[in-house]
N, C-alpha and C. Protein backbone atom coordinates (compact mmCIF):
# COMPACT_ATOMS: atom_id res chain seq x y z
N MET A 1 95.63 63.40 128.35
CA MET A 1 97.06 63.14 128.30
C MET A 1 97.48 62.89 126.86
N GLN A 2 98.61 63.44 126.47
CA GLN A 2 99.11 63.29 125.12
C GLN A 2 99.69 61.89 124.92
N ASP A 3 99.54 61.38 123.71
CA ASP A 3 100.12 60.11 123.34
C ASP A 3 101.54 60.39 122.84
N VAL A 4 102.52 60.19 123.70
CA VAL A 4 103.90 60.57 123.37
C VAL A 4 104.52 59.68 122.30
N ASP A 5 103.96 58.51 122.06
CA ASP A 5 104.51 57.60 121.06
C ASP A 5 103.90 57.79 119.68
N ARG A 6 102.88 58.59 119.58
CA ARG A 6 102.19 58.79 118.31
C ARG A 6 103.07 59.61 117.36
N VAL A 7 103.15 59.19 116.12
CA VAL A 7 103.92 59.89 115.11
C VAL A 7 102.95 60.47 114.09
N TYR A 8 103.08 61.76 113.83
CA TYR A 8 102.23 62.47 112.88
C TYR A 8 102.97 62.64 111.56
N GLU A 9 102.22 62.62 110.48
CA GLU A 9 102.78 62.97 109.18
C GLU A 9 102.72 64.49 109.08
N VAL A 10 103.79 65.11 108.59
CA VAL A 10 103.83 66.56 108.46
C VAL A 10 103.80 66.91 106.97
N LYS A 11 102.81 67.71 106.60
CA LYS A 11 102.69 68.17 105.21
C LYS A 11 102.81 69.69 105.20
N ILE A 12 103.69 70.17 104.34
CA ILE A 12 103.92 71.61 104.22
C ILE A 12 103.29 72.09 102.92
N ALA A 13 102.36 73.01 103.05
CA ALA A 13 101.66 73.54 101.88
C ALA A 13 102.64 74.28 100.97
N ASP A 14 102.33 74.27 99.67
CA ASP A 14 103.16 75.01 98.72
C ASP A 14 103.23 76.49 99.11
N THR A 15 102.13 77.01 99.61
CA THR A 15 102.09 78.41 100.04
C THR A 15 103.10 78.66 101.16
N ALA A 16 103.17 77.75 102.12
CA ALA A 16 104.11 77.91 103.23
C ALA A 16 105.55 77.86 102.72
N TRP A 17 105.84 76.94 101.79
CA TRP A 17 107.20 76.88 101.22
C TRP A 17 107.53 78.18 100.49
N PHE A 18 106.57 78.68 99.72
CA PHE A 18 106.78 79.93 98.98
C PHE A 18 107.06 81.07 99.95
N GLN A 19 106.27 81.16 101.00
CA GLN A 19 106.48 82.23 101.99
C GLN A 19 107.84 82.10 102.65
N MET A 20 108.24 80.87 102.98
CA MET A 20 109.55 80.66 103.61
C MET A 20 110.67 81.10 102.67
N MET A 21 110.55 80.77 101.39
CA MET A 21 111.57 81.16 100.42
C MET A 21 111.61 82.68 100.23
N GLU A 22 110.45 83.32 100.30
CA GLU A 22 110.41 84.78 100.21
C GLU A 22 111.14 85.42 101.39
N HIS A 23 110.92 84.89 102.59
CA HIS A 23 111.61 85.41 103.77
C HIS A 23 113.13 85.19 103.65
N ALA A 24 113.51 84.00 103.18
CA ALA A 24 114.93 83.69 103.03
C ALA A 24 115.56 84.55 101.95
N ARG A 25 114.85 84.76 100.86
CA ARG A 25 115.37 85.60 99.77
C ARG A 25 115.62 87.02 100.25
N PHE A 26 114.68 87.55 101.03
CA PHE A 26 114.84 88.90 101.58
C PHE A 26 116.03 88.95 102.52
N LEU A 27 116.16 87.95 103.38
CA LEU A 27 117.26 87.90 104.34
C LEU A 27 118.60 87.73 103.65
N ALA A 28 118.62 87.03 102.53
CA ALA A 28 119.87 86.81 101.79
C ALA A 28 120.48 88.11 101.29
N ASN A 29 119.67 89.15 101.16
CA ASN A 29 120.20 90.46 100.77
C ASN A 29 121.14 91.01 101.84
N VAL A 30 120.94 90.57 103.06
CA VAL A 30 121.78 91.01 104.18
C VAL A 30 122.87 89.97 104.47
N SER A 31 122.46 88.70 104.53
CA SER A 31 123.39 87.63 104.87
C SER A 31 122.91 86.31 104.29
N GLU A 32 123.68 85.78 103.38
CA GLU A 32 123.34 84.48 102.78
C GLU A 32 123.38 83.38 103.84
N GLU A 33 124.34 83.48 104.74
CA GLU A 33 124.46 82.50 105.83
C GLU A 33 123.21 82.51 106.71
N ALA A 34 122.73 83.69 107.04
CA ALA A 34 121.52 83.80 107.87
C ALA A 34 120.30 83.25 107.13
N ALA A 35 120.22 83.48 105.82
CA ALA A 35 119.11 82.96 105.03
C ALA A 35 119.12 81.44 105.02
N ASN A 36 120.29 80.85 104.84
CA ASN A 36 120.40 79.39 104.87
C ASN A 36 120.04 78.83 106.24
N ARG A 37 120.46 79.53 107.27
CA ARG A 37 120.15 79.10 108.63
C ARG A 37 118.63 79.15 108.88
N LEU A 38 117.97 80.18 108.36
CA LEU A 38 116.52 80.29 108.51
C LEU A 38 115.81 79.11 107.85
N VAL A 39 116.21 78.76 106.65
CA VAL A 39 115.59 77.62 105.96
C VAL A 39 115.86 76.33 106.73
N ASP A 40 117.08 76.15 107.21
CA ASP A 40 117.41 74.96 108.01
C ASP A 40 116.57 74.89 109.28
N GLU A 41 116.38 76.04 109.94
CA GLU A 41 115.56 76.08 111.15
C GLU A 41 114.10 75.76 110.83
N PHE A 42 113.62 76.22 109.70
CA PHE A 42 112.25 75.91 109.28
C PHE A 42 112.07 74.41 109.08
N VAL A 43 113.00 73.80 108.35
CA VAL A 43 112.91 72.35 108.11
C VAL A 43 112.98 71.59 109.43
N ALA A 44 113.88 71.98 110.31
CA ALA A 44 114.01 71.31 111.60
C ALA A 44 112.75 71.50 112.45
N ALA A 45 112.22 72.72 112.48
CA ALA A 45 111.02 73.01 113.27
C ALA A 45 109.84 72.19 112.77
N CYS A 46 109.68 72.11 111.46
CA CYS A 46 108.59 71.31 110.90
C CYS A 46 108.78 69.83 111.22
N GLY A 47 110.03 69.39 111.21
CA GLY A 47 110.32 68.00 111.56
C GLY A 47 109.92 67.66 112.98
N THR A 48 110.06 68.61 113.89
CA THR A 48 109.70 68.33 115.28
C THR A 48 108.19 68.19 115.48
N LEU A 49 107.42 68.66 114.50
CA LEU A 49 105.96 68.57 114.62
C LEU A 49 105.44 67.15 114.46
N SER A 50 106.30 66.23 114.04
CA SER A 50 105.87 64.84 113.90
C SER A 50 105.63 64.17 115.25
N ALA A 51 106.16 64.77 116.30
CA ALA A 51 105.95 64.25 117.66
C ALA A 51 105.33 65.34 118.53
N MET A 52 104.18 65.04 119.08
CA MET A 52 103.49 65.92 120.01
C MET A 52 103.29 67.35 119.48
N PRO A 53 102.70 67.54 118.32
CA PRO A 53 102.51 68.89 117.79
C PRO A 53 101.57 69.74 118.64
N ASP A 54 100.74 69.08 119.45
CA ASP A 54 99.81 69.83 120.29
C ASP A 54 100.49 70.48 121.49
N ARG A 55 101.80 70.34 121.60
CA ARG A 55 102.55 71.05 122.65
C ARG A 55 102.73 72.52 122.29
N CYS A 56 102.56 72.85 121.00
CA CYS A 56 102.70 74.23 120.54
C CYS A 56 101.44 75.02 120.88
N PRO A 57 101.60 76.30 121.19
CA PRO A 57 100.44 77.10 121.60
C PRO A 57 99.50 77.43 120.45
N TRP A 58 98.27 77.72 120.82
CA TRP A 58 97.27 78.15 119.84
C TRP A 58 97.60 79.54 119.33
N LEU A 59 97.24 79.81 118.10
CA LEU A 59 97.33 81.15 117.55
C LEU A 59 96.07 81.88 117.97
N ALA A 60 96.22 82.90 118.78
CA ALA A 60 95.06 83.66 119.25
C ALA A 60 94.98 84.96 118.47
N HIS A 61 93.93 85.09 117.68
CA HIS A 61 93.71 86.30 116.89
C HIS A 61 92.22 86.43 116.65
N ASP A 62 91.71 87.65 116.74
CA ASP A 62 90.28 87.88 116.57
C ASP A 62 89.76 87.43 115.21
N ALA A 63 90.62 87.46 114.18
CA ALA A 63 90.19 87.11 112.83
C ALA A 63 90.20 85.60 112.59
N MET A 64 90.67 84.83 113.56
CA MET A 64 90.81 83.38 113.37
C MET A 64 89.75 82.63 114.15
N PRO A 65 89.31 81.50 113.61
CA PRO A 65 88.42 80.64 114.39
C PRO A 65 89.14 80.20 115.67
N PHE A 66 88.41 80.13 116.74
CA PHE A 66 88.98 79.77 118.04
C PHE A 66 89.62 78.38 117.98
N GLN A 67 90.87 78.30 118.38
CA GLN A 67 91.64 77.06 118.47
C GLN A 67 91.63 76.25 117.17
N ARG A 68 91.90 76.92 116.07
CA ARG A 68 92.04 76.20 114.80
C ARG A 68 93.51 76.01 114.44
N TYR A 69 94.29 77.08 114.55
CA TYR A 69 95.70 77.01 114.16
C TYR A 69 96.60 77.08 115.40
N ARG A 70 97.70 76.38 115.31
CA ARG A 70 98.75 76.47 116.32
C ARG A 70 99.95 77.15 115.67
N LYS A 71 100.89 77.57 116.51
CA LYS A 71 102.07 78.26 115.99
C LYS A 71 103.33 77.62 116.52
N ARG A 72 104.35 77.61 115.66
CA ARG A 72 105.66 77.08 116.02
C ARG A 72 106.67 78.14 115.64
N PHE A 73 107.42 78.62 116.62
CA PHE A 73 108.41 79.66 116.35
C PHE A 73 109.58 79.09 115.55
N ILE A 74 110.07 79.91 114.64
CA ILE A 74 111.23 79.57 113.82
C ILE A 74 112.22 80.71 113.99
N GLY A 75 113.34 80.42 114.60
CA GLY A 75 114.32 81.47 114.85
C GLY A 75 113.73 82.54 115.75
N LYS A 76 114.17 83.76 115.55
CA LYS A 76 113.73 84.86 116.41
C LYS A 76 112.44 85.51 115.94
N TYR A 77 112.19 85.53 114.63
CA TYR A 77 111.15 86.41 114.11
C TYR A 77 110.06 85.75 113.27
N HIS A 78 110.11 84.45 113.10
CA HIS A 78 109.16 83.81 112.19
C HIS A 78 108.29 82.79 112.91
N LEU A 79 107.10 82.61 112.37
CA LEU A 79 106.15 81.63 112.89
C LEU A 79 105.68 80.72 111.76
N ALA A 80 105.60 79.44 112.06
CA ALA A 80 104.92 78.50 111.17
C ALA A 80 103.53 78.30 111.77
N LEU A 81 102.52 78.47 110.95
CA LEU A 81 101.14 78.27 111.40
C LEU A 81 100.67 76.93 110.88
N PHE A 82 100.10 76.13 111.76
CA PHE A 82 99.70 74.79 111.35
C PHE A 82 98.44 74.35 112.08
N GLU A 83 97.83 73.32 111.52
CA GLU A 83 96.69 72.70 112.18
C GLU A 83 96.88 71.19 112.17
N ILE A 84 96.25 70.55 113.13
CA ILE A 84 96.34 69.11 113.27
C ILE A 84 95.00 68.51 112.91
N ARG A 85 95.02 67.57 111.97
CA ARG A 85 93.80 66.85 111.60
C ARG A 85 94.12 65.37 111.63
N GLU A 86 93.49 64.70 112.59
CA GLU A 86 93.72 63.27 112.81
C GLU A 86 95.20 63.01 113.02
N SER A 87 95.87 62.28 112.12
CA SER A 87 97.28 61.96 112.33
C SER A 87 98.20 62.75 111.40
N THR A 88 97.71 63.88 110.90
CA THR A 88 98.51 64.71 109.99
C THR A 88 98.58 66.15 110.48
N VAL A 89 99.76 66.73 110.38
CA VAL A 89 99.99 68.13 110.68
C VAL A 89 100.14 68.86 109.36
N TYR A 90 99.33 69.90 109.17
CA TYR A 90 99.37 70.69 107.94
C TYR A 90 99.96 72.06 108.26
N VAL A 91 101.16 72.33 107.74
CA VAL A 91 101.78 73.64 107.89
C VAL A 91 101.22 74.51 106.77
N SER A 92 100.49 75.54 107.14
CA SER A 92 99.75 76.35 106.16
C SER A 92 100.44 77.64 105.76
N ALA A 93 101.21 78.22 106.68
CA ALA A 93 101.80 79.53 106.39
C ALA A 93 103.04 79.75 107.24
N VAL A 94 103.88 80.66 106.75
CA VAL A 94 105.05 81.11 107.49
C VAL A 94 105.02 82.63 107.47
N VAL A 95 105.03 83.24 108.64
CA VAL A 95 104.93 84.69 108.72
C VAL A 95 106.10 85.28 109.51
N ASP A 96 106.41 86.51 109.17
CA ASP A 96 107.41 87.29 109.89
C ASP A 96 106.67 88.07 110.97
N CYS A 97 106.99 87.82 112.20
CA CYS A 97 106.28 88.44 113.33
C CYS A 97 106.49 89.95 113.41
N ARG A 98 107.48 90.47 112.72
CA ARG A 98 107.74 91.91 112.76
C ARG A 98 106.82 92.67 111.82
N ARG A 99 106.11 91.97 110.99
CA ARG A 99 105.21 92.59 110.03
C ARG A 99 103.77 92.30 110.42
N ASP A 100 102.88 93.12 109.92
CA ASP A 100 101.45 92.90 110.16
C ASP A 100 100.99 91.76 109.27
N TYR A 101 100.62 90.65 109.87
CA TYR A 101 100.18 89.51 109.07
C TYR A 101 98.69 89.25 109.21
N ALA A 102 97.95 90.21 109.71
CA ALA A 102 96.50 90.04 109.85
C ALA A 102 95.84 89.80 108.50
N TRP A 103 96.38 90.38 107.42
CA TRP A 103 95.81 90.17 106.08
C TRP A 103 95.78 88.70 105.72
N LEU A 104 96.82 87.97 106.16
CA LEU A 104 96.91 86.55 105.86
C LEU A 104 95.80 85.79 106.58
N LEU A 105 95.52 86.21 107.78
CA LEU A 105 94.54 85.50 108.60
C LEU A 105 93.13 85.71 108.11
N LEU A 106 92.91 86.75 107.34
CA LEU A 106 91.57 87.06 106.86
C LEU A 106 91.22 86.32 105.58
N LYS A 107 92.18 85.65 104.96
CA LYS A 107 91.92 84.91 103.71
C LYS A 107 91.14 83.66 103.97
């Protein structure tokens, strides 16, 4: 049973921030409003990981160690990939689901 009162610290890797800004920069070419909304959704989604982050599903991919990373959807097309270690959630990457991101998983 999950400890619903437990609060996790959420740390976002510099790489994840860089990837998020790259996605927003690309989207801003179409709509600045949509790009701002994407960044806001990312911040909000990461904020929700402070409570019960294990509610998010595992990332299942042949190139990944079994049950290492979880995924949190951001908007319609993006995923935040994270892992839980003790009382800290580490957001490691942000990917666009419409693109092949297997290269990222192999690093």
